[in-house]
Amino acid sequence: MFSRALKPVAAVAVQNGAKNFSTTSQRNYKVVVAGASGGIGQPLSLLLKQNALVTHLALYDLAPVTPGVACDLSHMDTPAKVTGHKGPEQLADAIKGADLVVIPAGVPRKPGMTRDDLFNTNASIVRDLANVVASQAPKAIMAIITNPVNSMVPIASEVLKKAGVYDPKRVLGVTTLDVVRACAFIGEINGVNPTNVSVPVIGGHSGVTIIPVLSQSQPAVKLSDQGKIKALTERIQEAGTEVVKAKAGGGSATLSMAYAGARLAGSVLRGLNGESNVVECAYVKSDITEAAYFANPVVLGKNGVEKNLGYGKLNAYEQELLKAAMPELLKNIKTGEDFAKK
């Protein structure tokens, strides 16, 4: 059901020792990574440099190392031109004319921190970036990785509304990592290649708002005991904390998040390029629940979100998960909207 958008080797299409970067029927796509020098930004930029649909990769960060990161990536023998932009005075040039702006910028989680603890710093970053997108690339698709995603997407949306350029089809929260993790864990349980697993993860992107719809997994999860299904659900919901603890204070999920972000970005570009039936889970403006924003499978096309596919039929346990998630999700959305309206 879901698009396997990014295969790092296939993205470069190495065949019989020769690289094939065919651009037949392709537009030229400028992709911006805002927060490109960070723990997510650098591996994300590395993966996007391998994507044949990326013509111009613009890297932006406050860090002085950013031009060096761009120089480093520019030595890769893939076609995308790479430019580095550092500091607020270079932000407009980085964003100008972008087709896709991917935002991993922000402070990372540390042991004991919740995503809400990150709010004030990261909210200001997303607000400021959205303002520049509004003026320099109002038709760009924004893919927001910055946590807490549940609140950041409403912030960006409100900023774009104030500027008169809001298109709900073009603002997405990246929840792909929840899907990637669910597929990885199910693949391990079932003893199958995780790239052959498909499972929707709906709701939001933190704690109880992450709802893996295990009943819709293809192939079916080889767990019949409800206790084990509950344990798997909770592992997916708390997988970010699992990484934070495993890194013992050294950081949060960066490599897997970069992979997931590149997968979503690749799917967005494939949709923009006219490929049909590109489906990913994403956190978007929604009317399928009482929450104004909700993550579930969507079809990506030439204008961003082409169709919201909803979440299908939930079993009794999943219905309870949705019920439990809603108060937290509503609170997160209100927090974001209130911040943007100050």
C-alpha atoms as a PDB file:
ATOM      1  CA  MET A   1       0.000   0.000   0.000  1.00  0.00           C
ATOM      2  CA  PHE A   2       2.760   2.421   0.894  1.00  0.00           C
ATOM      3  CA  SER A   3       5.403   3.786  -1.442  1.00  0.00           C
ATOM      4  CA  ARG A   4       8.946   2.617  -0.900  1.00  0.00           C
ATOM      5  CA  ALA A   5      10.221   5.968  -2.045  1.00  0.00           C
ATOM      6  CA  LEU A   6      13.883   5.853  -1.196  1.00  0.00           C
ATOM      7  CA  LYS A   7      16.240   2.981  -1.750  1.00  0.00           C
ATOM      8  CA  PRO A   8      19.697   4.565  -1.429  1.00  0.00           C
ATOM      9  CA  VAL A   9      21.293   2.340  -4.085  1.00  0.00           C
ATOM     10  CA  ALA A  10      18.313   2.345  -6.435  1.00  0.00           C
ATOM     11  CA  ALA A  11      18.029   6.095  -6.056  1.00  0.00           C
ATOM     12  CA  VAL A  12      21.304   6.377  -7.916  1.00  0.00           C
ATOM     13  CA  ALA A  13      20.362   3.574 -10.289  1.00  0.00           C
ATOM     14  CA  VAL A  14      23.757   1.931 -10.651  1.00  0.00           C
ATOM     15  CA  GLN A  15      23.474  -0.702 -13.362  1.00  0.00           C
ATOM     16  CA  ASN A  16      26.346  -2.788 -14.734  1.00  0.00           C
ATOM     17  CA  GLY A  17      28.818  -0.313 -13.312  1.00  0.00           C
ATOM     18  CA  ALA A  18      27.248   2.676 -15.084  1.00  0.00           C
ATOM     19  CA  LYS A  19      25.176   5.333 -13.370  1.00  0.00           C
ATOM     20  CA  ASN A  20      21.821   6.026 -14.954  1.00  0.00           C
ATOM     21  CA  PHE A  21      20.406   9.446 -14.072  1.00  0.00           C
ATOM     22  CA  SER A  22      17.644   9.533 -16.643  1.00  0.00           C
ATOM     23  CA  THR A  23      15.573  12.713 -16.368  1.00  0.00           C
ATOM     24  CA  THR A  24      13.017  11.890 -19.048  1.00  0.00           C
ATOM     25  CA  SER A  25       9.789  13.845 -18.526  1.00  0.00           C
ATOM     26  CA  GLN A  26      11.170  15.363 -15.342  1.00  0.00           C
ATOM     27  CA  ARG A  27      10.965  18.903 -14.132  1.00  0.00           C
ATOM     28  CA  ASN A  28      13.859  20.474 -12.303  1.00  0.00           C
ATOM     29  CA  TYR A  29      13.234  20.321  -8.554  1.00  0.00           C
ATOM     30  CA  LYS A  30      14.851  22.518  -5.952  1.00  0.00           C
ATOM     31  CA  VAL A  31      14.836  20.960  -2.494  1.00  0.00           C
ATOM     32  CA  VAL A  32      15.812  22.898   0.622  1.00  0.00           C
ATOM     33  CA  VAL A  33      16.989  21.242   3.818  1.00  0.00           C
ATOM     34  CA  ALA A  34      16.535  23.749   6.647  1.00  0.00           C
ATOM     35  CA  GLY A  35      18.694  22.552   9.500  1.00  0.00           C
ATOM     36  CA  ALA A  36      21.120  20.838   7.133  1.00  0.00           C
ATOM     37  CA  SER A  37      24.152  20.753   9.436  1.00  0.00           C
ATOM     38  CA  GLY A  38      22.476  18.919  12.313  1.00  0.00           C
ATOM     39  CA  GLY A  39      22.311  15.294  13.284  1.00  0.00           C
ATOM     40  CA  ILE A  40      19.329  14.667  11.018  1.00  0.00           C
ATOM     41  CA  GLY A  41      20.149  17.304   8.418  1.00  0.00           C
ATOM     42  CA  GLN A  42      23.504  15.938   7.288  1.00  0.00           C
ATOM     43  CA  PRO A  43      22.473  12.316   6.613  1.00  0.00           C
ATOM     44  CA  LEU A  44      19.168  13.583   5.163  1.00  0.00           C
ATOM     45  CA  SER A  45      21.102  15.808   2.755  1.00  0.00           C
ATOM     46  CA  LEU A  46      23.380  12.890   1.861  1.00  0.00           C
ATOM     47  CA  LEU A  47      20.378  10.765   0.926  1.00  0.00           C
ATOM     48  CA  LEU A  48      18.685  13.558  -1.034  1.00  0.00           C
ATOM     49  CA  LYS A  49      21.884  14.169  -3.012  1.00  0.00           C
ATOM     50  CA  GLN A  50      21.403  10.617  -4.318  1.00  0.00           C
ATOM     51  CA  ASN A  51      17.830  11.260  -5.477  1.00  0.00           C
ATOM     52  CA  ALA A  52      17.723  11.658  -9.263  1.00  0.00           C
ATOM     53  CA  LEU A  53      14.705  13.981  -9.010  1.00  0.00           C
ATOM     54  CA  VAL A  54      16.686  16.580  -7.058  1.00  0.00           C
ATOM     55  CA  THR A  55      18.310  19.118  -9.372  1.00  0.00           C
ATOM     56  CA  HIS A  56      19.279  21.744  -6.793  1.00  0.00           C
ATOM     57  CA  LEU A  57      19.871  20.860  -3.148  1.00  0.00           C
ATOM     58  CA  ALA A  58      20.025  24.018  -1.021  1.00  0.00           C
ATOM     59  CA  LEU A  59      21.386  23.496   2.478  1.00  0.00           C
ATOM     60  CA  TYR A  60      20.522  26.041   5.162  1.00  0.00           C
ATOM     61  CA  ASP A  61      21.565  26.265   8.795  1.00  0.00           C
ATOM     62  CA  LEU A  62      22.759  28.776  11.358  1.00  0.00           C
ATOM     63  CA  ALA A  63      25.904  26.711  11.872  1.00  0.00           C
ATOM     64  CA  PRO A  64      29.064  28.117  10.267  1.00  0.00           C
ATOM     65  CA  VAL A  65      29.955  24.635   9.017  1.00  0.00           C
ATOM     66  CA  THR A  66      27.050  24.669   6.516  1.00  0.00           C
ATOM     67  CA  PRO A  67      29.056  25.819   3.433  1.00  0.00           C
ATOM     68  CA  GLY A  68      31.514  23.040   4.261  1.00  0.00           C
ATOM     69  CA  VAL A  69      28.738  20.452   4.386  1.00  0.00           C
ATOM     70  CA  ALA A  70      27.579  21.691   0.979  1.00  0.00           C
ATOM     71  CA  CYS A  71      31.111  21.539  -0.409  1.00  0.00           C
ATOM     72  CA  ASP A  72      31.541  18.010   0.933  1.00  0.00           C
ATOM     73  CA  LEU A  73      28.317  16.788  -0.689  1.00  0.00           C
ATOM     74  CA  SER A  74      29.089  18.597  -3.958  1.00  0.00           C
ATOM     75  CA  HIS A  75      31.997  16.199  -4.488  1.00  0.00           C
ATOM     76  CA  MET A  76      29.576  13.296  -4.892  1.00  0.00           C
ATOM     77  CA  ASP A  77      29.201  12.211  -8.520  1.00  0.00           C
ATOM     78  CA  THR A  78      25.451  12.702  -8.666  1.00  0.00           C
ATOM     79  CA  PRO A  79      23.812  15.468 -10.723  1.00  0.00           C
ATOM     80  CA  ALA A  80      22.201  17.655  -8.061  1.00  0.00           C
ATOM     81  CA  LYS A  81      23.858  21.032  -7.617  1.00  0.00           C
ATOM     82  CA  VAL A  82      24.483  21.753  -3.931  1.00  0.00           C
ATOM     83  CA  THR A  83      24.580  25.222  -2.392  1.00  0.00           C
ATOM     84  CA  GLY A  84      25.272  26.159   1.219  1.00  0.00           C
ATOM     85  CA  HIS A  85      23.571  29.026   3.031  1.00  0.00           C
ATOM     86  CA  LYS A  86      24.326  30.065   6.615  1.00  0.00           C
ATOM     87  CA  GLY A  87      22.635  32.565   8.884  1.00  0.00           C
ATOM     88  CA  PRO A  88      19.396  34.538   8.632  1.00  0.00           C
ATOM     89  CA  GLU A  89      20.779  36.872   5.968  1.00  0.00           C
ATOM     90  CA  GLN A  90      21.126  33.946   3.543  1.00  0.00           C
ATOM     91  CA  LEU A  91      17.829  32.218   4.331  1.00  0.00           C
ATOM     92  CA  ALA A  92      15.756  33.977   1.668  1.00  0.00           C
ATOM     93  CA  ASP A  93      18.210  32.993  -1.068  1.00  0.00           C
ATOM     94  CA  ALA A  94      18.177  29.386   0.130  1.00  0.00           C
ATOM     95  CA  ILE A  95      14.372  29.166   0.038  1.00  0.00           C
ATOM     96  CA  LYS A  96      13.679  31.257  -3.076  1.00  0.00           C
ATOM     97  CA  GLY A  97      12.003  29.215  -5.807  1.00  0.00           C
ATOM     98  CA  ALA A  98      11.976  25.963  -3.829  1.00  0.00           C
ATOM     99  CA  ASP A  99       9.644  23.125  -4.762  1.00  0.00           C
ATOM    100  CA  LEU A 100      10.090  21.306  -1.452  1.00  0.00           C
ATOM    101  CA  VAL A 101      11.354  22.578   1.898  1.00  0.00           C
ATOM    102  CA  VAL A 102      12.241  19.826   4.357  1.00  0.00           C
ATOM    103  CA  ILE A 103      12.651  21.085   7.926  1.00  0.00           C
ATOM    104  CA  PRO A 104      14.666  19.037  10.425  1.00  0.00           C
ATOM    105  CA  ALA A 105      15.862  22.237  12.171  1.00  0.00           C
ATOM    106  CA  GLY A 106      15.552  22.422  15.938  1.00  0.00           C
ATOM    107  CA  VAL A 107      17.023  21.176  19.179  1.00  0.00           C
ATOM    108  CA  PRO A 108      17.128  17.394  19.698  1.00  0.00           C
ATOM    109  CA  ARG A 109      15.611  15.426  22.532  1.00  0.00           C
ATOM    110  CA  LYS A 110      17.804  14.481  25.471  1.00  0.00           C
ATOM    111  CA  PRO A 111      17.192  11.894  28.204  1.00  0.00           C
ATOM    112  CA  GLY A 112      14.179  12.837  30.313  1.00  0.00           C
ATOM    113  CA  MET A 113      12.889  15.340  27.756  1.00  0.00           C
ATOM    114  CA  THR A 114       9.509  15.040  26.118  1.00  0.00           C
ATOM    115  CA  ARG A 115       8.729  16.492  22.725  1.00  0.00           C
ATOM    116  CA  ASP A 116       6.772  19.209  24.517  1.00  0.00           C
ATOM    117  CA  ASP A 117       9.960  20.290  26.301  1.00  0.00           C
ATOM    118  CA  LEU A 118      11.335  21.259  22.901  1.00  0.00           C
ATOM    119  CA  PHE A 119       8.380  23.416  22.063  1.00  0.00           C
ATOM    120  CA  ASN A 120       9.364  27.040  22.553  1.00  0.00           C
ATOM    121  CA  THR A 121      12.703  26.887  20.755  1.00  0.00           C
ATOM    122  CA  ASN A 122      11.487  24.770  17.895  1.00  0.00           C
ATOM    123  CA  ALA A 123       8.213  26.657  17.505  1.00  0.00           C
ATOM    124  CA  SER A 124      10.099  29.902  16.898  1.00  0.00           C
ATOM    125  CA  ILE A 125      12.304  28.203  14.313  1.00  0.00           C
ATOM    126  CA  VAL A 126       9.370  26.778  12.353  1.00  0.00           C
ATOM    127  CA  ARG A 127       7.458  30.081  12.545  1.00  0.00           C
ATOM    128  CA  ASP A 128      10.412  32.007  11.120  1.00  0.00           C
ATOM    129  CA  LEU A 129      11.043  29.474   8.358  1.00  0.00           C
ATOM    130  CA  ALA A 130       7.364  29.460   7.384  1.00  0.00           C
ATOM    131  CA  ASN A 131       7.426  33.255   7.088  1.00  0.00           C
ATOM    132  CA  VAL A 132      10.283  33.057   4.589  1.00  0.00           C
ATOM    133  CA  VAL A 133       8.611  30.235   2.671  1.00  0.00           C
ATOM    134  CA  ALA A 134       5.502  32.435   2.429  1.00  0.00           C
ATOM    135  CA  SER A 135       7.466  35.252   0.814  1.00  0.00           C
ATOM    136  CA  GLN A 136      10.068  33.372  -1.231  1.00  0.00           C
ATOM    137  CA  ALA A 137       8.410  30.093  -2.255  1.00  0.00           C
ATOM    138  CA  PRO A 138       4.661  30.287  -1.546  1.00  0.00           C
ATOM    139  CA  LYS A 139       3.934  27.254  -3.735  1.00  0.00           C
ATOM    140  CA  ALA A 140       6.557  25.063  -2.075  1.00  0.00           C
ATOM    141  CA  ILE A 141       5.580  21.941  -0.192  1.00  0.00           C
ATOM    142  CA  MET A 142       6.728  22.026   3.423  1.00  0.00           C
ATOM    143  CA  ALA A 143       7.680  18.716   5.028  1.00  0.00           C
ATOM    144  CA  ILE A 144       8.151  19.320   8.746  1.00  0.00           C
ATOM    145  CA  ILE A 145      10.308  16.980  10.809  1.00  0.00           C
ATOM    146  CA  THR A 146      10.892  19.376  13.713  1.00  0.00           C
ATOM    147  CA  ASN A 147       9.348  18.140  16.959  1.00  0.00           C
ATOM    148  CA  PRO A 148       6.738  18.257  18.301  1.00  0.00           C
ATOM    149  CA  VAL A 149       5.289  17.686  14.835  1.00  0.00           C
ATOM    150  CA  ASN A 150       1.747  17.667  16.231  1.00  0.00           C
ATOM    151  CA  SER A 151       2.168  21.367  17.067  1.00  0.00           C
ATOM    152  CA  MET A 152       4.647  22.474  14.391  1.00  0.00           C
ATOM    153  CA  VAL A 153       2.346  21.783  11.434  1.00  0.00           C
ATOM    154  CA  PRO A 154      -0.426  23.991  12.903  1.00  0.00           C
ATOM    155  CA  ILE A 155       2.162  26.747  13.513  1.00  0.00           C
ATOM    156  CA  ALA A 156       3.377  26.683   9.916  1.00  0.00           C
ATOM    157  CA  SER A 157      -0.206  26.574   8.679  1.00  0.00           C
ATOM    158  CA  GLU A 158      -1.233  29.613  10.718  1.00  0.00           C
ATOM    159  CA  VAL A 159       1.793  31.589   9.513  1.00  0.00           C
ATOM    160  CA  LEU A 160       0.953  30.805   5.891  1.00  0.00           C
ATOM    161  CA  LYS A 161      -2.691  31.754   6.516  1.00  0.00           C
ATOM    162  CA  LYS A 162      -1.615  35.167   7.847  1.00  0.00           C
ATOM    163  CA  ALA A 163       0.468  35.665   4.715  1.00  0.00           C
ATOM    164  CA  GLY A 164      -2.484  34.721   2.484  1.00  0.00           C
ATOM    165  CA  VAL A 165      -0.681  31.818   0.799  1.00  0.00           C
ATOM    166  CA  TYR A 166      -1.899  28.811   2.789  1.00  0.00           C
ATOM    167  CA  ASP A 167      -2.659  25.646   0.848  1.00  0.00           C
ATOM    168  CA  PRO A 168      -3.391  22.724   3.187  1.00  0.00           C
ATOM    169  CA  LYS A 169      -2.296  20.280   0.490  1.00  0.00           C
ATOM    170  CA  ARG A 170       1.246  21.655   0.721  1.00  0.00           C
ATOM    171  CA  VAL A 171       1.976  21.412   4.461  1.00  0.00           C
ATOM    172  CA  LEU A 172       2.892  17.957   5.774  1.00  0.00           C
ATOM    173  CA  GLY A 173       4.175  16.649   9.073  1.00  0.00           C
ATOM    174  CA  VAL A 174       6.694  13.852   8.588  1.00  0.00           C
ATOM    175  CA  THR A 175       5.460  10.831  10.549  1.00  0.00           C
ATOM    176  CA  THR A 176       7.185   8.381   8.214  1.00  0.00           C
ATOM    177  CA  LEU A 177       9.566   7.211  10.937  1.00  0.00           C
ATOM    178  CA  ASP A 178       6.645   5.668  12.828  1.00  0.00           C
ATOM    179  CA  VAL A 179       5.772   3.662   9.712  1.00  0.00           C
ATOM    180  CA  VAL A 180       9.414   2.692   9.123  1.00  0.00           C
ATOM    181  CA  ARG A 181       9.755   1.487  12.696  1.00  0.00           C
ATOM    182  CA  ALA A 182       6.508  -0.459  12.574  1.00  0.00           C
ATOM    183  CA  CYS A 183       7.632  -2.209   9.385  1.00  0.00           C
ATOM    184  CA  ALA A 184      11.058  -2.962  10.865  1.00  0.00           C
ATOM    185  CA  PHE A 185       9.607  -4.454  14.047  1.00  0.00           C
ATOM    186  CA  ILE A 186       6.960  -6.485  12.208  1.00  0.00           C
ATOM    187  CA  GLY A 187       9.567  -7.738   9.745  1.00  0.00           C
ATOM    188  CA  GLU A 188      11.638  -8.961  12.681  1.00  0.00           C
ATOM    189  CA  ILE A 189       8.650 -10.653  14.338  1.00  0.00           C
ATOM    190  CA  ASN A 190       7.492 -12.291  11.109  1.00  0.00           C
ATOM    191  CA  GLY A 191      10.974 -13.196   9.913  1.00  0.00           C
ATOM    192  CA  VAL A 192      10.484 -11.379   6.604  1.00  0.00           C
ATOM    193  CA  ASN A 193      12.173  -8.559   4.730  1.00  0.00           C
ATOM    194  CA  PRO A 194      10.783  -5.365   6.341  1.00  0.00           C
ATOM    195  CA  THR A 195      10.665  -3.632   2.952  1.00  0.00           C
ATOM    196  CA  ASN A 196       7.909  -6.094   2.074  1.00  0.00           C
ATOM    197  CA  VAL A 197       5.825  -5.050   5.089  1.00  0.00           C
ATOM    198  CA  SER A 198       3.103  -2.418   4.778  1.00  0.00           C
ATOM    199  CA  VAL A 199       1.290  -0.988   7.791  1.00  0.00           C
ATOM    200  CA  PRO A 200      -0.437   2.358   8.346  1.00  0.00           C
ATOM    201  CA  VAL A 201       0.382   4.417  11.432  1.00  0.00           C
ATOM    202  CA  ILE A 202      -2.207   7.092  12.118  1.00  0.00           C
ATOM    203  CA  GLY A 203      -2.936   9.921  14.562  1.00  0.00           C
ATOM    204  CA  GLY A 204       0.076  12.038  15.399  1.00  0.00           C
ATOM    205  CA  HIS A 205       3.787  11.773  16.082  1.00  0.00           C
ATOM    206  CA  SER A 206       4.278  11.519  19.833  1.00  0.00           C
ATOM    207  CA  GLY A 207       3.509   8.941  22.491  1.00  0.00           C
ATOM    208  CA  VAL A 208      -0.133   7.927  22.677  1.00  0.00           C
ATOM    209  CA  THR A 209      -0.985   9.874  19.522  1.00  0.00           C
ATOM    210  CA  ILE A 210       1.004   7.317  17.492  1.00  0.00           C
ATOM    211  CA  ILE A 211      -1.507   4.618  16.516  1.00  0.00           C
ATOM    212  CA  PRO A 212      -0.116   1.632  14.587  1.00  0.00           C
ATOM    213  CA  VAL A 213      -3.020  -0.036  12.792  1.00  0.00           C
ATOM    214  CA  LEU A 214      -1.578  -3.518  13.179  1.00  0.00           C
ATOM    215  CA  SER A 215      -4.831  -5.136  12.072  1.00  0.00           C
ATOM    216  CA  GLN A 216      -4.167  -3.746   8.562  1.00  0.00           C
ATOM    217  CA  SER A 217      -0.576  -4.964   8.356  1.00  0.00           C
ATOM    218  CA  GLN A 218       0.370  -6.773   5.160  1.00  0.00           C
ATOM    219  CA  PRO A 219       1.494  -9.452   5.752  1.00  0.00           C
ATOM    220  CA  ALA A 220      -0.489  -9.951   8.937  1.00  0.00           C
ATOM    221  CA  VAL A 221       1.492  -9.649  12.162  1.00  0.00           C
ATOM    222  CA  LYS A 222       2.265 -13.102  13.555  1.00  0.00           C
ATOM    223  CA  LEU A 223       0.974 -12.232  17.003  1.00  0.00           C
ATOM    224  CA  SER A 224      -2.321 -13.556  18.288  1.00  0.00           C
ATOM    225  CA  ASP A 225      -1.857 -12.795  21.959  1.00  0.00           C
ATOM    226  CA  GLN A 226      -3.389  -9.409  22.828  1.00  0.00           C
ATOM    227  CA  GLY A 227      -0.670  -8.757  25.385  1.00  0.00           C
ATOM    228  CA  LYS A 228       2.003  -9.081  22.735  1.00  0.00           C
ATOM    229  CA  ILE A 229       0.063  -6.836  20.352  1.00  0.00           C
ATOM    230  CA  LYS A 230      -0.168  -4.248  23.129  1.00  0.00           C
ATOM    231  CA  ALA A 231       3.572  -4.555  23.779  1.00  0.00           C
ATOM    232  CA  LEU A 232       4.377  -4.055  20.089  1.00  0.00           C
ATOM    233  CA  THR A 233       2.057  -1.065  19.908  1.00  0.00           C
ATOM    234  CA  GLU A 234       3.741   0.513  22.910  1.00  0.00           C
ATOM    235  CA  ARG A 235       7.202  -0.194  21.492  1.00  0.00           C
ATOM    236  CA  ILE A 236       6.290   1.670  18.297  1.00  0.00           C
ATOM    237  CA  GLN A 237       4.841   4.538  20.322  1.00  0.00           C
ATOM    238  CA  GLU A 238       7.937   4.840  22.511  1.00  0.00           C
ATOM    239  CA  ALA A 239      10.598   3.922  19.951  1.00  0.00           C
ATOM    240  CA  GLY A 240      12.032   7.433  20.007  1.00  0.00           C
ATOM    241  CA  THR A 241      12.648   7.145  23.745  1.00  0.00           C
ATOM    242  CA  GLU A 242      14.242   3.743  23.126  1.00  0.00           C
ATOM    243  CA  VAL A 243      16.838   5.446  20.910  1.00  0.00           C
ATOM    244  CA  VAL A 244      17.400   8.350  23.327  1.00  0.00           C
ATOM    245  CA  LYS A 245      18.107   5.874  26.149  1.00  0.00           C
ATOM    246  CA  ALA A 246      20.317   3.686  23.963  1.00  0.00           C
ATOM    247  CA  LYS A 247      22.450   6.704  23.036  1.00  0.00           C
ATOM    248  CA  ALA A 248      22.902   7.411  26.764  1.00  0.00           C
ATOM    249  CA  GLY A 249      22.606  11.157  26.464  1.00  0.00           C
ATOM    250  CA  GLY A 250      24.416  11.303  23.140  1.00  0.00           C
ATOM    251  CA  GLY A 251      21.394  12.244  21.044  1.00  0.00           C
ATOM    252  CA  SER A 252      18.072  11.102  19.657  1.00  0.00           C
ATOM    253  CA  ALA A 253      16.970   9.328  16.481  1.00  0.00           C
ATOM    254  CA  THR A 254      18.940  10.944  13.670  1.00  0.00           C
ATOM    255  CA  LEU A 255      19.912   8.304  11.112  1.00  0.00           C
ATOM    256  CA  SER A 256      16.560   6.522  11.001  1.00  0.00           C
ATOM    257  CA  MET A 257      14.796   9.914  10.964  1.00  0.00           C
ATOM    258  CA  ALA A 258      16.969  11.048   8.059  1.00  0.00           C
ATOM    259  CA  TYR A 259      16.081   7.869   6.185  1.00  0.00           C
ATOM    260  CA  ALA A 260      12.375   8.369   6.885  1.00  0.00           C
ATOM    261  CA  GLY A 261      12.529  12.047   5.925  1.00  0.00           C
ATOM    262  CA  ALA A 262      14.273  11.230   2.672  1.00  0.00           C
ATOM    263  CA  ARG A 263      11.646   8.591   1.927  1.00  0.00           C
ATOM    264  CA  LEU A 264       8.804  11.096   2.404  1.00  0.00           C
ATOM    265  CA  ALA A 265      10.667  13.764   0.416  1.00  0.00           C
ATOM    266  CA  GLY A 266      11.251  11.283  -2.391  1.00  0.00           C
ATOM    267  CA  SER A 267       7.566  10.408  -2.460  1.00  0.00           C
ATOM    268  CA  VAL A 268       6.598  14.094  -2.594  1.00  0.00           C
ATOM    269  CA  LEU A 269       8.923  14.597  -5.568  1.00  0.00           C
ATOM    270  CA  ARG A 270       7.582  11.528  -7.336  1.00  0.00           C
ATOM    271  CA  GLY A 271       4.072  12.902  -6.899  1.00  0.00           C
ATOM    272  CA  LEU A 272       5.133  16.325  -8.189  1.00  0.00           C
ATOM    273  CA  ASN A 273       6.720  14.593 -11.161  1.00  0.00           C
ATOM    274  CA  GLY A 274       3.421  12.987 -12.148  1.00  0.00           C
ATOM    275  CA  GLU A 275       3.875   9.449 -10.860  1.00  0.00           C
ATOM    276  CA  SER A 276       0.529   7.908  -9.973  1.00  0.00           C
ATOM    277  CA  ASN A 277      -0.535   6.182  -6.771  1.00  0.00           C
ATOM    278  CA  VAL A 278       2.248   7.523  -4.540  1.00  0.00           C
ATOM    279  CA  VAL A 279       0.964   6.812  -1.036  1.00  0.00           C
ATOM    280  CA  GLU A 280       2.544   7.685   2.302  1.00  0.00           C
ATOM    281  CA  CYS A 281       1.310   8.369   5.802  1.00  0.00           C
ATOM    282  CA  ALA A 282       1.621  12.049   6.707  1.00  0.00           C
ATOM    283  CA  TYR A 283       0.234  14.473   9.287  1.00  0.00           C
ATOM    284  CA  VAL A 284      -1.992  16.887   7.378  1.00  0.00           C
ATOM    285  CA  LYS A 285      -4.978  19.229   7.651  1.00  0.00           C
ATOM    286  CA  SER A 286      -7.909  16.917   8.074  1.00  0.00           C
ATOM    287  CA  ASP A 287     -11.627  16.617   8.706  1.00  0.00           C
ATOM    288  CA  ILE A 288     -11.846  12.860   9.201  1.00  0.00           C
ATOM    289  CA  THR A 289     -11.753  13.158  13.004  1.00  0.00           C
ATOM    290  CA  GLU A 290     -12.461  15.968  15.471  1.00  0.00           C
ATOM    291  CA  ALA A 291      -8.769  16.901  15.263  1.00  0.00           C
ATOM    292  CA  ALA A 292      -7.944  19.615  12.725  1.00  0.00           C
ATOM    293  CA  TYR A 293      -4.748  17.759  11.805  1.00  0.00           C
ATOM    294  CA  PHE A 294      -4.331  14.005  11.611  1.00  0.00           C
ATOM    295  CA  ALA A 295      -1.877  11.475  10.198  1.00  0.00           C
ATOM    296  CA  ASN A 296      -3.009   8.697   7.900  1.00  0.00           C
ATOM    297  CA  PRO A 297      -2.312   7.460   4.356  1.00  0.00           C
ATOM    298  CA  VAL A 298      -2.555  10.140   1.655  1.00  0.00           C
ATOM    299  CA  VAL A 299      -1.988  10.148  -2.088  1.00  0.00           C
ATOM    300  CA  LEU A 300       0.758  12.565  -3.144  1.00  0.00           C
ATOM    301  CA  GLY A 301       0.491  14.271  -6.520  1.00  0.00           C
ATOM    302  CA  LYS A 302       1.359  17.351  -8.548  1.00  0.00           C
ATOM    303  CA  ASN A 303      -0.105  19.712  -5.949  1.00  0.00           C
ATOM    304  CA  GLY A 304       0.973  17.917  -2.805  1.00  0.00           C
ATOM    305  CA  VAL A 305      -1.723  15.940  -1.021  1.00  0.00           C
ATOM    306  CA  GLU A 306      -4.028  14.799  -3.799  1.00  0.00           C
ATOM    307  CA  LYS A 307      -6.350  12.606  -1.753  1.00  0.00           C
ATOM    308  CA  ASN A 308      -6.827  11.727   1.902  1.00  0.00           C
ATOM    309  CA  LEU A 309      -7.371   7.966   2.148  1.00  0.00           C
ATOM    310  CA  GLY A 310      -8.572   7.963   5.741  1.00  0.00           C
ATOM    311  CA  TYR A 311      -7.716   5.121   8.076  1.00  0.00           C
ATOM    312  CA  GLY A 312     -10.143   2.355   7.174  1.00  0.00           C
ATOM    313  CA  LYS A 313     -11.681  -0.007   9.691  1.00  0.00           C
ATOM    314  CA  LEU A 314     -10.129  -0.207  13.156  1.00  0.00           C
ATOM    315  CA  ASN A 315     -10.556  -3.138  15.490  1.00  0.00           C
ATOM    316  CA  ALA A 316     -11.825  -2.602  19.043  1.00  0.00           C
ATOM    317  CA  TYR A 317      -8.313  -2.172  20.500  1.00  0.00           C
ATOM    318  CA  GLU A 318      -7.341   0.370  17.851  1.00  0.00           C
ATOM    319  CA  GLN A 319     -10.576   2.289  18.404  1.00  0.00           C
ATOM    320  CA  GLU A 320      -9.608   2.595  22.066  1.00  0.00           C
ATOM    321  CA  LEU A 321      -6.144   3.804  21.044  1.00  0.00           C
ATOM    322  CA  LEU A 322      -7.737   6.485  18.873  1.00  0.00           C
ATOM    323  CA  LYS A 323     -10.017   7.534  21.714  1.00  0.00           C
ATOM    324  CA  ALA A 324      -7.035   7.767  24.082  1.00  0.00           C
ATOM    325  CA  ALA A 325      -4.991   9.752  21.559  1.00  0.00           C
ATOM    326  CA  MET A 326      -7.551  12.431  20.796  1.00  0.00           C
ATOM    327  CA  PRO A 327      -7.287  14.617  23.943  1.00  0.00           C
ATOM    328  CA  GLU A 328      -3.492  14.804  23.610  1.00  0.00           C
ATOM    329  CA  LEU A 329      -3.669  15.489  19.894  1.00  0.00           C
ATOM    330  CA  LEU A 330      -6.247  18.247  20.357  1.00  0.00           C
ATOM    331  CA  LYS A 331      -4.098  19.806  23.089  1.00  0.00           C
ATOM    332  CA  ASN A 332      -0.982  19.706  20.868  1.00  0.00           C
ATOM    333  CA  ILE A 333      -2.820  21.343  17.974  1.00  0.00           C
ATOM    334  CA  LYS A 334      -4.226  24.098  20.173  1.00  0.00           C
ATOM    335  CA  THR A 335      -0.768  24.765  21.609  1.00  0.00           C
ATOM    336  CA  GLY A 336       0.598  25.275  18.107  1.00  0.00           C
ATOM    337  CA  GLU A 337      -2.270  27.443  16.955  1.00  0.00           C
ATOM    338  CA  ASP A 338      -2.121  29.604  20.075  1.00  0.00           C
ATOM    339  CA  PHE A 339       1.618  30.141  19.637  1.00  0.00           C
ATOM    340  CA  ALA A 340       1.189  31.217  16.022  1.00  0.00           C
ATOM    341  CA  LYS A 341      -1.658  33.592  16.862  1.00  0.00           C
ATOM    342  CA  LYS A 342       0.271  35.505  19.557  1.00  0.00           C
END
